[in-house]
Amino acid sequence: MTSIFSLSDPVVITGVIGGVVLVLGILAALYLRKRHQAGSQNEGKTGPDAGRLAYQPQARPVPAVPKGAIPRPSRQPPVLPAPKEIHLLDGRADISESLRALAEKYSLDALTIATSDGLVFASSGDDDSQTDAAQYSEIFNNDPLAETPGAVLTGIGHKGSDLVLIIRTSLPVPDEIRVRIENDTKDILNWWI
């Protein structure tokens, strides 16, 4: 059996090419018709959504930056003011007055010296000194590096006794100032006890 048409026959080649062109033409016509229908639906729309497809996000306006904008200074956290020149020992009646002078010198809220078992050893006269001594001594004994908001805890030694210095302030205390407070506290302890 021989076939009537051969693939090398020019009539067959022309027919195949014509069929492909016909299919492509139909597809192009369908595409243009669909696009025209979508365009006629958007004709009534005005504004930023006109011509946008439903799945596209809304366009956002870019805010204009005024020329000559003034930069804001960065907010720096509050720090303790510079220590005042106050004599801690001369003219003081007792250790509590010396500790009050120390609190005034460094602009602190209160100072309490507590024993390691939570008793008040000396205080600047704050009403909460007994509570502070009990609470913060326990915290310091369990974790000397614990963060305690509103209070700075440090250990000091005096004549063989381990004491806890409780510095009450809402401001951060730099290490340099903390060391100076410790040294002044030791001077007060050596003077009075």
N, C-alpha and C. Protein backbone atom coordinates (compact mmCIF):
# COMPACT_ATOMS: atom_id res chain seq x y z
N MET A 1 0.82 -1.17 0.00
CA MET A 1 0.00 0.00 0.00
C MET A 1 0.86 1.23 0.00
N THR A 2 0.58 1.99 -0.90
CA THR A 2 1.29 3.25 -0.99
C THR A 2 0.33 4.37 -0.61
N SER A 3 0.89 5.33 0.04
CA SER A 3 0.06 6.43 0.49
C SER A 3 -0.09 7.43 -0.63
N ILE A 4 -1.19 8.10 -0.65
CA ILE A 4 -1.49 9.05 -1.69
C ILE A 4 -0.68 10.32 -1.48
N PHE A 5 -0.50 10.67 -0.22
CA PHE A 5 0.21 11.92 0.07
C PHE A 5 1.55 11.60 0.69
N SER A 6 2.52 12.31 0.30
CA SER A 6 3.86 12.17 0.87
C SER A 6 4.18 13.45 1.64
N LEU A 7 4.97 13.31 2.73
CA LEU A 7 5.31 14.48 3.53
C LEU A 7 6.18 15.47 2.77
N SER A 8 6.80 15.03 1.74
CA SER A 8 7.62 15.95 0.96
C SER A 8 6.83 16.62 -0.15
N ASP A 9 5.59 16.25 -0.28
CA ASP A 9 4.74 16.82 -1.31
C ASP A 9 4.45 18.28 -0.96
N PRO A 10 4.61 19.23 -1.89
CA PRO A 10 4.38 20.64 -1.60
C PRO A 10 2.94 20.95 -1.20
N VAL A 11 1.99 20.20 -1.63
CA VAL A 11 0.60 20.44 -1.27
C VAL A 11 0.40 20.13 0.22
N VAL A 12 1.03 19.05 0.69
CA VAL A 12 0.91 18.67 2.10
C VAL A 12 1.59 19.73 2.98
N ILE A 13 2.76 20.15 2.59
CA ILE A 13 3.50 21.17 3.36
C ILE A 13 2.69 22.46 3.41
N THR A 14 2.12 22.87 2.30
CA THR A 14 1.33 24.09 2.27
C THR A 14 0.09 23.94 3.15
N GLY A 15 -0.53 22.78 3.16
CA GLY A 15 -1.71 22.54 3.99
C GLY A 15 -1.38 22.59 5.48
N VAL A 16 -0.25 22.00 5.87
CA VAL A 16 0.15 22.02 7.28
C VAL A 16 0.43 23.45 7.72
N ILE A 17 1.18 24.19 6.91
CA ILE A 17 1.50 25.58 7.25
C ILE A 17 0.22 26.41 7.32
N GLY A 18 -0.68 26.20 6.40
CA GLY A 18 -1.95 26.93 6.40
C GLY A 18 -2.76 26.62 7.65
N GLY A 19 -2.78 25.35 8.07
CA GLY A 19 -3.51 24.96 9.29
C GLY A 19 -2.94 25.63 10.54
N VAL A 20 -1.60 25.67 10.63
CA VAL A 20 -0.96 26.30 11.78
C VAL A 20 -1.28 27.79 11.81
N VAL A 21 -1.22 28.45 10.66
CA VAL A 21 -1.53 29.88 10.58
C VAL A 21 -2.98 30.12 10.97
N LEU A 22 -3.88 29.25 10.53
CA LEU A 22 -5.29 29.39 10.85
C LEU A 22 -5.52 29.27 12.37
N VAL A 23 -4.90 28.28 13.01
CA VAL A 23 -5.05 28.10 14.46
C VAL A 23 -4.49 29.31 15.20
N LEU A 24 -3.32 29.80 14.81
CA LEU A 24 -2.73 30.98 15.45
C LEU A 24 -3.61 32.21 15.26
N GLY A 25 -4.21 32.36 14.10
CA GLY A 25 -5.10 33.48 13.85
C GLY A 25 -6.33 33.44 14.75
N ILE A 26 -6.89 32.25 14.94
CA ILE A 26 -8.06 32.10 15.81
C ILE A 26 -7.69 32.45 17.26
N LEU A 27 -6.53 31.95 17.71
CA LEU A 27 -6.08 32.26 19.08
C LEU A 27 -5.86 33.76 19.27
N ALA A 28 -5.26 34.41 18.28
CA ALA A 28 -5.03 35.85 18.38
C ALA A 28 -6.35 36.61 18.43
N ALA A 29 -7.32 36.19 17.65
CA ALA A 29 -8.63 36.85 17.64
C ALA A 29 -9.32 36.69 18.99
N LEU A 30 -9.25 35.50 19.58
CA LEU A 30 -9.85 35.28 20.90
C LEU A 30 -9.17 36.16 21.96
N TYR A 31 -7.86 36.24 21.90
CA TYR A 31 -7.12 37.06 22.87
C TYR A 31 -7.52 38.53 22.75
N LEU A 32 -7.57 39.05 21.52
CA LEU A 32 -7.93 40.46 21.32
C LEU A 32 -9.37 40.73 21.77
N ARG A 33 -10.27 39.78 21.52
CA ARG A 33 -11.66 39.96 21.92
C ARG A 33 -11.77 40.02 23.45
N LYS A 34 -11.05 39.12 24.14
CA LYS A 34 -11.08 39.11 25.61
C LYS A 34 -10.48 40.40 26.16
N ARG A 35 -9.43 40.86 25.56
CA ARG A 35 -8.80 42.09 26.02
C ARG A 35 -9.72 43.29 25.80
N HIS A 36 -10.41 43.31 24.69
CA HIS A 36 -11.34 44.40 24.40
C HIS A 36 -12.48 44.40 25.42
N GLN A 37 -12.98 43.21 25.79
CA GLN A 37 -14.04 43.13 26.78
C GLN A 37 -13.55 43.63 28.15
N ALA A 38 -12.33 43.28 28.52
CA ALA A 38 -11.77 43.75 29.80
C ALA A 38 -11.59 45.26 29.77
N GLY A 39 -11.21 45.80 28.63
CA GLY A 39 -11.04 47.25 28.51
C GLY A 39 -12.35 47.98 28.62
N SER A 40 -13.42 47.41 28.08
CA SER A 40 -14.72 48.08 28.15
C SER A 40 -15.28 48.06 29.58
N GLN A 41 -14.89 47.08 30.39
CA GLN A 41 -15.32 47.06 31.79
C GLN A 41 -14.63 48.16 32.58
N ASN A 42 -13.40 48.51 32.25
CA ASN A 42 -12.64 49.54 32.98
C ASN A 42 -12.90 50.94 32.46
N GLU A 43 -13.72 51.08 31.36
CA GLU A 43 -13.94 52.41 30.80
C GLU A 43 -14.66 53.32 31.78
N GLY A 44 -15.54 52.80 32.60
CA GLY A 44 -16.29 53.61 33.55
C GLY A 44 -15.47 53.99 34.78
N LYS A 45 -14.35 53.33 34.99
CA LYS A 45 -13.53 53.59 36.17
C LYS A 45 -12.59 54.75 35.92
N THR A 46 -12.42 55.53 36.97
CA THR A 46 -11.43 56.60 36.92
C THR A 46 -10.60 56.52 38.19
N GLY A 47 -9.50 57.13 38.20
CA GLY A 47 -8.66 57.15 39.39
C GLY A 47 -7.52 56.15 39.29
N PRO A 48 -6.90 55.88 40.43
CA PRO A 48 -5.70 55.06 40.40
C PRO A 48 -5.96 53.59 40.08
N ASP A 49 -7.23 53.09 40.22
CA ASP A 49 -7.50 51.68 39.96
C ASP A 49 -7.81 51.40 38.49
N ALA A 50 -8.00 52.41 37.66
CA ALA A 50 -8.34 52.21 36.26
C ALA A 50 -7.21 51.46 35.57
N GLY A 51 -7.57 50.39 34.87
CA GLY A 51 -6.58 49.64 34.12
C GLY A 51 -5.78 48.66 34.97
N ARG A 52 -6.11 48.50 36.23
CA ARG A 52 -5.37 47.57 37.10
C ARG A 52 -6.13 46.25 37.16
N LEU A 53 -5.40 45.18 37.23
CA LEU A 53 -6.02 43.88 37.39
C LEU A 53 -6.38 43.68 38.86
N ALA A 54 -7.31 42.78 39.11
CA ALA A 54 -7.83 42.60 40.46
C ALA A 54 -6.78 42.08 41.43
N TYR A 55 -5.81 41.33 40.98
CA TYR A 55 -4.84 40.74 41.89
C TYR A 55 -3.65 41.65 42.18
N GLN A 56 -3.57 42.79 41.54
CA GLN A 56 -2.46 43.70 41.78
C GLN A 56 -2.73 44.54 43.02
N PRO A 57 -1.70 44.78 43.84
CA PRO A 57 -1.89 45.61 45.04
C PRO A 57 -2.13 47.07 44.66
N GLN A 58 -2.74 47.79 45.56
CA GLN A 58 -3.00 49.21 45.35
C GLN A 58 -1.69 49.99 45.26
N ALA A 59 -1.69 50.98 44.43
CA ALA A 59 -0.52 51.85 44.34
C ALA A 59 -0.49 52.75 45.58
N ARG A 60 0.69 52.92 46.15
CA ARG A 60 0.83 53.77 47.34
C ARG A 60 1.57 55.04 46.95
N PRO A 61 1.06 56.16 47.42
CA PRO A 61 1.77 57.40 47.10
C PRO A 61 3.07 57.48 47.90
N VAL A 62 4.07 58.04 47.28
CA VAL A 62 5.36 58.23 47.94
C VAL A 62 5.33 59.60 48.61
N PRO A 63 5.52 59.63 49.94
CA PRO A 63 5.47 60.93 50.62
C PRO A 63 6.64 61.81 50.20
N ALA A 64 6.33 63.06 50.02
CA ALA A 64 7.37 64.01 49.63
C ALA A 64 8.16 64.44 50.86
N VAL A 65 9.46 64.50 50.72
CA VAL A 65 10.31 64.96 51.81
C VAL A 65 10.56 66.45 51.60
N PRO A 66 10.18 67.26 52.58
CA PRO A 66 10.39 68.70 52.40
C PRO A 66 11.88 69.02 52.36
N LYS A 67 12.20 69.98 51.52
CA LYS A 67 13.60 70.39 51.43
C LYS A 67 13.99 71.12 52.70
N GLY A 68 15.21 70.92 53.10
CA GLY A 68 15.71 71.59 54.28
C GLY A 68 15.15 71.02 55.58
N ALA A 69 14.86 69.71 55.57
CA ALA A 69 14.34 69.09 56.79
C ALA A 69 15.38 69.19 57.90
N ILE A 70 14.90 69.46 59.09
CA ILE A 70 15.79 69.61 60.23
C ILE A 70 15.92 68.26 60.92
N PRO A 71 17.13 67.71 61.02
CA PRO A 71 17.27 66.42 61.69
C PRO A 71 17.06 66.57 63.20
N ARG A 72 16.42 65.58 63.77
CA ARG A 72 16.19 65.59 65.21
C ARG A 72 17.40 65.01 65.91
N PRO A 73 17.80 65.61 67.01
CA PRO A 73 18.92 65.03 67.74
C PRO A 73 18.50 63.70 68.36
N SER A 74 19.42 62.77 68.40
CA SER A 74 19.10 61.47 68.97
C SER A 74 18.91 61.61 70.48
N ARG A 75 17.94 60.85 70.98
CA ARG A 75 17.65 60.90 72.41
C ARG A 75 18.70 60.08 73.13
N GLN A 76 19.36 60.70 74.07
CA GLN A 76 20.35 59.99 74.87
C GLN A 76 19.73 59.67 76.22
N PRO A 77 20.04 58.48 76.73
CA PRO A 77 19.45 58.12 78.02
C PRO A 77 19.96 59.06 79.11
N PRO A 78 19.12 59.30 80.11
CA PRO A 78 19.55 60.19 81.20
C PRO A 78 20.70 59.55 81.99
N VAL A 79 21.58 60.38 82.46
CA VAL A 79 22.71 59.91 83.26
C VAL A 79 22.77 60.73 84.54
N LEU A 80 23.50 60.18 85.50
CA LEU A 80 23.67 60.91 86.75
C LEU A 80 24.43 62.20 86.50
N PRO A 81 24.06 63.29 87.17
CA PRO A 81 24.83 64.52 87.03
C PRO A 81 26.21 64.35 87.68
N ALA A 82 27.08 65.27 87.39
CA ALA A 82 28.43 65.22 87.95
C ALA A 82 28.35 65.31 89.47
N PRO A 83 29.23 64.59 90.16
CA PRO A 83 29.21 64.63 91.63
C PRO A 83 29.47 66.04 92.16
N LYS A 84 28.79 66.36 93.25
CA LYS A 84 28.96 67.67 93.89
C LYS A 84 30.13 67.60 94.86
N GLU A 85 30.68 68.74 95.18
CA GLU A 85 31.76 68.82 96.18
C GLU A 85 31.14 68.92 97.57
N ILE A 86 30.99 67.80 98.22
CA ILE A 86 30.39 67.76 99.55
C ILE A 86 31.32 66.96 100.46
N HIS A 87 31.58 67.48 101.66
CA HIS A 87 32.38 66.76 102.65
C HIS A 87 31.50 65.71 103.31
N LEU A 88 31.97 64.49 103.32
CA LEU A 88 31.16 63.39 103.82
C LEU A 88 31.35 63.13 105.32
N LEU A 89 32.48 63.58 105.88
CA LEU A 89 32.79 63.22 107.27
C LEU A 89 32.78 64.42 108.21
N ASP A 90 33.32 65.53 107.77
CA ASP A 90 33.44 66.71 108.65
C ASP A 90 32.07 67.29 108.96
N GLY A 91 31.81 67.51 110.24
CA GLY A 91 30.58 68.15 110.67
C GLY A 91 29.37 67.24 110.65
N ARG A 92 29.56 65.95 110.50
CA ARG A 92 28.43 65.00 110.47
C ARG A 92 28.29 64.37 111.86
N ALA A 93 27.06 64.23 112.32
CA ALA A 93 26.80 63.72 113.67
C ALA A 93 26.92 62.20 113.76
N ASP A 94 26.56 61.50 112.68
CA ASP A 94 26.63 60.04 112.72
C ASP A 94 26.77 59.48 111.31
N ILE A 95 26.79 58.15 111.21
CA ILE A 95 26.99 57.48 109.92
C ILE A 95 25.81 57.75 108.97
N SER A 96 24.60 57.87 109.51
CA SER A 96 23.43 58.15 108.66
C SER A 96 23.55 59.50 107.97
N GLU A 97 24.04 60.51 108.69
CA GLU A 97 24.25 61.83 108.07
C GLU A 97 25.32 61.75 106.99
N SER A 98 26.37 60.98 107.22
CA SER A 98 27.41 60.82 106.20
C SER A 98 26.85 60.13 104.96
N LEU A 99 26.00 59.13 105.15
CA LEU A 99 25.39 58.45 104.01
C LEU A 99 24.39 59.35 103.28
N ARG A 100 23.67 60.21 104.01
CA ARG A 100 22.79 61.20 103.36
C ARG A 100 23.62 62.17 102.51
N ALA A 101 24.77 62.58 103.05
CA ALA A 101 25.66 63.48 102.29
C ALA A 101 26.19 62.77 101.05
N LEU A 102 26.49 61.47 101.17
CA LEU A 102 26.96 60.69 100.02
C LEU A 102 25.86 60.60 98.96
N ALA A 103 24.63 60.37 99.38
CA ALA A 103 23.50 60.32 98.44
C ALA A 103 23.32 61.67 97.75
N GLU A 104 23.47 62.76 98.50
CA GLU A 104 23.35 64.10 97.91
C GLU A 104 24.50 64.37 96.94
N LYS A 105 25.70 63.95 97.30
CA LYS A 105 26.88 64.19 96.47
C LYS A 105 26.71 63.59 95.08
N TYR A 106 26.16 62.38 95.00
CA TYR A 106 26.02 61.68 93.72
C TYR A 106 24.60 61.73 93.16
N SER A 107 23.72 62.53 93.75
CA SER A 107 22.32 62.69 93.30
C SER A 107 21.59 61.34 93.29
N LEU A 108 21.70 60.60 94.38
CA LEU A 108 21.05 59.30 94.51
C LEU A 108 19.77 59.46 95.33
N ASP A 109 18.87 58.51 95.17
CA ASP A 109 17.63 58.53 95.96
C ASP A 109 17.88 58.08 97.39
N ALA A 110 18.64 57.02 97.56
CA ALA A 110 18.92 56.50 98.90
C ALA A 110 20.10 55.54 98.84
N LEU A 111 20.71 55.32 99.99
CA LEU A 111 21.80 54.35 100.15
C LEU A 111 21.51 53.51 101.37
N THR A 112 21.72 52.21 101.23
CA THR A 112 21.58 51.31 102.37
C THR A 112 22.76 50.35 102.35
N ILE A 113 23.36 50.16 103.51
CA ILE A 113 24.40 49.15 103.65
C ILE A 113 23.76 48.02 104.45
N ALA A 114 23.76 46.81 103.87
CA ALA A 114 23.11 45.67 104.51
C ALA A 114 24.13 44.57 104.75
N THR A 115 23.85 43.76 105.77
CA THR A 115 24.67 42.58 105.99
C THR A 115 24.27 41.52 104.97
N SER A 116 25.11 40.50 104.82
CA SER A 116 24.81 39.48 103.82
C SER A 116 23.57 38.66 104.17
N ASP A 117 23.15 38.69 105.45
CA ASP A 117 21.93 37.96 105.82
C ASP A 117 20.68 38.85 105.82
N GLY A 118 20.78 40.09 105.30
CA GLY A 118 19.60 40.91 105.06
C GLY A 118 19.24 41.90 106.14
N LEU A 119 20.15 42.20 107.06
CA LEU A 119 19.86 43.20 108.09
C LEU A 119 20.46 44.55 107.70
N VAL A 120 19.83 45.63 108.17
CA VAL A 120 20.34 46.97 107.88
C VAL A 120 21.56 47.21 108.75
N PHE A 121 22.68 47.54 108.10
CA PHE A 121 23.90 47.89 108.82
C PHE A 121 23.95 49.40 109.03
N ALA A 122 23.63 50.14 107.97
CA ALA A 122 23.56 51.60 108.03
C ALA A 122 22.71 52.05 106.85
N SER A 123 22.12 53.25 106.97
CA SER A 123 21.23 53.73 105.93
C SER A 123 21.27 55.25 105.87
N SER A 124 20.88 55.78 104.71
CA SER A 124 20.78 57.24 104.58
C SER A 124 19.47 57.75 105.14
N GLY A 125 18.67 56.87 105.72
CA GLY A 125 17.43 57.30 106.37
C GLY A 125 16.19 57.03 105.56
N ASP A 126 16.28 56.25 104.51
CA ASP A 126 15.12 55.94 103.68
C ASP A 126 14.15 55.05 104.45
N ASP A 127 12.85 55.26 104.25
CA ASP A 127 11.82 54.48 104.94
C ASP A 127 11.86 53.00 104.55
N ASP A 128 12.29 52.71 103.34
CA ASP A 128 12.29 51.34 102.84
C ASP A 128 13.61 50.61 103.07
N SER A 129 14.47 51.11 103.91
CA SER A 129 15.80 50.53 104.06
C SER A 129 15.75 49.09 104.59
N GLN A 130 14.83 48.77 105.50
CA GLN A 130 14.74 47.40 106.01
C GLN A 130 14.26 46.44 104.92
N THR A 131 13.27 46.86 104.17
CA THR A 131 12.78 46.04 103.06
C THR A 131 13.86 45.87 102.00
N ASP A 132 14.53 46.97 101.66
CA ASP A 132 15.61 46.91 100.67
C ASP A 132 16.71 45.96 101.13
N ALA A 133 17.10 46.06 102.40
CA ALA A 133 18.18 45.21 102.93
C ALA A 133 17.81 43.74 102.80
N ALA A 134 16.61 43.38 103.19
CA ALA A 134 16.19 41.98 103.12
C ALA A 134 16.08 41.49 101.68
N GLN A 135 15.42 42.27 100.84
CA GLN A 135 15.16 41.86 99.46
C GLN A 135 16.44 41.82 98.63
N TYR A 136 17.19 42.90 98.64
CA TYR A 136 18.34 42.99 97.75
C TYR A 136 19.54 42.19 98.24
N SER A 137 19.67 41.95 99.53
CA SER A 137 20.74 41.08 100.02
C SER A 137 20.52 39.66 99.51
N GLU A 138 19.28 39.22 99.53
CA GLU A 138 18.95 37.88 99.02
C GLU A 138 19.26 37.80 97.53
N ILE A 139 18.85 38.81 96.78
CA ILE A 139 19.14 38.83 95.33
C ILE A 139 20.64 38.82 95.09
N PHE A 140 21.38 39.65 95.82
CA PHE A 140 22.83 39.74 95.63
C PHE A 140 23.52 38.43 96.00
N ASN A 141 23.08 37.77 97.06
CA ASN A 141 23.69 36.51 97.47
C ASN A 141 23.45 35.41 96.44
N ASN A 142 22.28 35.40 95.82
CA ASN A 142 21.96 34.38 94.81
C ASN A 142 22.62 34.66 93.47
N ASP A 143 22.69 35.93 93.08
CA ASP A 143 23.28 36.29 91.79
C ASP A 143 23.85 37.70 91.88
N PRO A 144 25.15 37.84 92.14
CA PRO A 144 25.75 39.18 92.29
C PRO A 144 25.64 40.05 91.04
N LEU A 145 25.42 39.44 89.87
CA LEU A 145 25.33 40.21 88.62
C LEU A 145 23.88 40.44 88.18
N ALA A 146 22.92 40.17 89.06
CA ALA A 146 21.50 40.29 88.70
C ALA A 146 21.16 41.74 88.37
N GLU A 147 20.29 41.90 87.36
CA GLU A 147 19.76 43.22 86.99
C GLU A 147 18.61 43.55 87.93
N THR A 148 18.70 44.67 88.60
CA THR A 148 17.65 45.09 89.52
C THR A 148 17.23 46.51 89.16
N PRO A 149 16.08 46.68 88.49
CA PRO A 149 15.64 48.01 88.10
C PRO A 149 15.45 48.92 89.31
N GLY A 150 16.00 50.11 89.23
CA GLY A 150 15.86 51.09 90.30
C GLY A 150 16.88 50.96 91.41
N ALA A 151 17.74 49.96 91.32
CA ALA A 151 18.76 49.77 92.36
C ALA A 151 20.02 49.17 91.74
N VAL A 152 21.16 49.59 92.29
CA VAL A 152 22.45 49.03 91.90
C VAL A 152 23.00 48.33 93.13
N LEU A 153 23.40 47.08 92.97
CA LEU A 153 23.91 46.29 94.08
C LEU A 153 25.39 46.04 93.88
N THR A 154 26.14 46.18 94.95
CA THR A 154 27.57 45.90 94.89
C THR A 154 28.02 45.40 96.26
N GLY A 155 28.98 44.53 96.24
CA GLY A 155 29.50 43.98 97.48
C GLY A 155 30.72 44.75 97.96
N ILE A 156 30.80 45.00 99.26
CA ILE A 156 31.97 45.64 99.85
C ILE A 156 32.33 44.87 101.12
N GLY A 157 33.59 44.91 101.46
CA GLY A 157 34.04 44.27 102.69
C GLY A 157 34.47 45.31 103.70
N HIS A 158 34.21 45.04 104.98
CA HIS A 158 34.63 45.95 106.05
C HIS A 158 34.98 45.14 107.28
N LYS A 159 36.24 45.17 107.66
CA LYS A 159 36.75 44.49 108.85
C LYS A 159 36.32 43.02 108.89
N GLY A 160 36.47 42.34 107.77
CA GLY A 160 36.17 40.92 107.69
C GLY A 160 34.71 40.58 107.46
N SER A 161 33.85 41.56 107.35
CA SER A 161 32.42 41.30 107.11
C SER A 161 32.08 41.63 105.66
N ASP A 162 31.28 40.76 105.05
CA ASP A 162 30.79 41.02 103.70
C ASP A 162 29.49 41.80 103.80
N LEU A 163 29.47 42.95 103.14
CA LEU A 163 28.30 43.83 103.17
C LEU A 163 27.79 44.04 101.76
N VAL A 164 26.53 44.40 101.65
CA VAL A 164 25.91 44.70 100.36
C VAL A 164 25.55 46.18 100.36
N LEU A 165 26.07 46.90 99.38
CA LEU A 165 25.74 48.32 99.21
C LEU A 165 24.59 48.41 98.22
N ILE A 166 23.48 48.98 98.66
CA ILE A 166 22.28 49.11 97.84
C ILE A 166 22.13 50.59 97.48
N ILE A 167 22.33 50.89 96.21
CA ILE A 167 22.26 52.27 95.70
C ILE A 167 20.91 52.41 95.00
N ARG A 168 20.03 53.24 95.52
CA ARG A 168 18.71 53.45 94.92
C ARG A 168 18.74 54.68 94.04
N THR A 169 18.50 54.47 92.74
CA THR A 169 18.40 55.56 91.78
C THR A 169 17.66 55.06 90.55
N SER A 170 16.94 55.95 89.90
CA SER A 170 16.24 55.58 88.68
C SER A 170 17.13 55.74 87.45
N LEU A 171 18.29 56.35 87.63
CA LEU A 171 19.21 56.59 86.52
C LEU A 171 20.30 55.53 86.49
N PRO A 172 20.84 55.23 85.30
CA PRO A 172 21.94 54.27 85.24
C PRO A 172 23.19 54.86 85.90
N VAL A 173 23.93 54.02 86.60
CA VAL A 173 25.14 54.45 87.29
C VAL A 173 26.34 53.90 86.52
N PRO A 174 27.17 54.78 85.94
CA PRO A 174 28.36 54.30 85.23
C PRO A 174 29.32 53.60 86.21
N ASP A 175 30.12 52.68 85.69
CA ASP A 175 31.06 51.92 86.53
C ASP A 175 32.01 52.84 87.28
N GLU A 176 32.47 53.90 86.63
CA GLU A 176 33.41 54.83 87.28
C GLU A 176 32.77 55.47 88.52
N ILE A 177 31.53 55.89 88.39
CA ILE A 177 30.82 56.51 89.52
C ILE A 177 30.54 55.46 90.60
N ARG A 178 30.18 54.24 90.18
CA ARG A 178 29.92 53.18 91.15
C ARG A 178 31.15 52.90 92.00
N VAL A 179 32.32 52.87 91.37
CA VAL A 179 33.57 52.63 92.11
C VAL A 179 33.84 53.78 93.08
N ARG A 180 33.57 55.01 92.64
CA ARG A 180 33.77 56.17 93.53
C ARG A 180 32.81 56.12 94.73
N ILE A 181 31.57 55.69 94.48
CA ILE A 181 30.61 55.55 95.58
C ILE A 181 31.09 54.47 96.56
N GLU A 182 31.57 53.35 96.02
CA GLU A 182 32.10 52.28 96.88
C GLU A 182 33.25 52.80 97.75
N ASN A 183 34.18 53.53 97.13
CA ASN A 183 35.33 54.04 97.89
C ASN A 183 34.90 55.05 98.95
N ASP A 184 33.97 55.94 98.61
CA ASP A 184 33.47 56.89 99.61
C ASP A 184 32.74 56.17 100.75
N THR A 185 32.02 55.11 100.41
CA THR A 185 31.33 54.32 101.44
C THR A 185 32.34 53.66 102.37
N LYS A 186 33.41 53.13 101.81
CA LYS A 186 34.46 52.52 102.65
C LYS A 186 35.09 53.56 103.57
N ASP A 187 35.31 54.77 103.05
CA ASP A 187 35.85 55.85 103.90
C ASP A 187 34.90 56.16 105.05
N ILE A 188 33.61 56.21 104.77
CA ILE A 188 32.61 56.48 105.81
C ILE A 188 32.62 55.36 106.85
N LEU A 189 32.66 54.11 106.38
CA LEU A 189 32.68 52.98 107.32
C LEU A 189 33.94 53.01 108.19
N ASN A 190 35.09 53.30 107.58
CA ASN A 190 36.34 53.36 108.35
C ASN A 190 36.31 54.50 109.37
N TRP A 191 35.64 55.59 109.06
CA TRP A 191 35.58 56.73 109.97
C TRP A 191 34.68 56.44 111.16
N TRP A 192 33.51 55.86 110.90
CA TRP A 192 32.51 55.70 111.95
C TRP A 192 32.57 54.35 112.67
N ILE A 193 33.10 53.33 112.04
CA ILE A 193 33.06 52.00 112.68
C ILE A 193 34.46 51.42 112.79
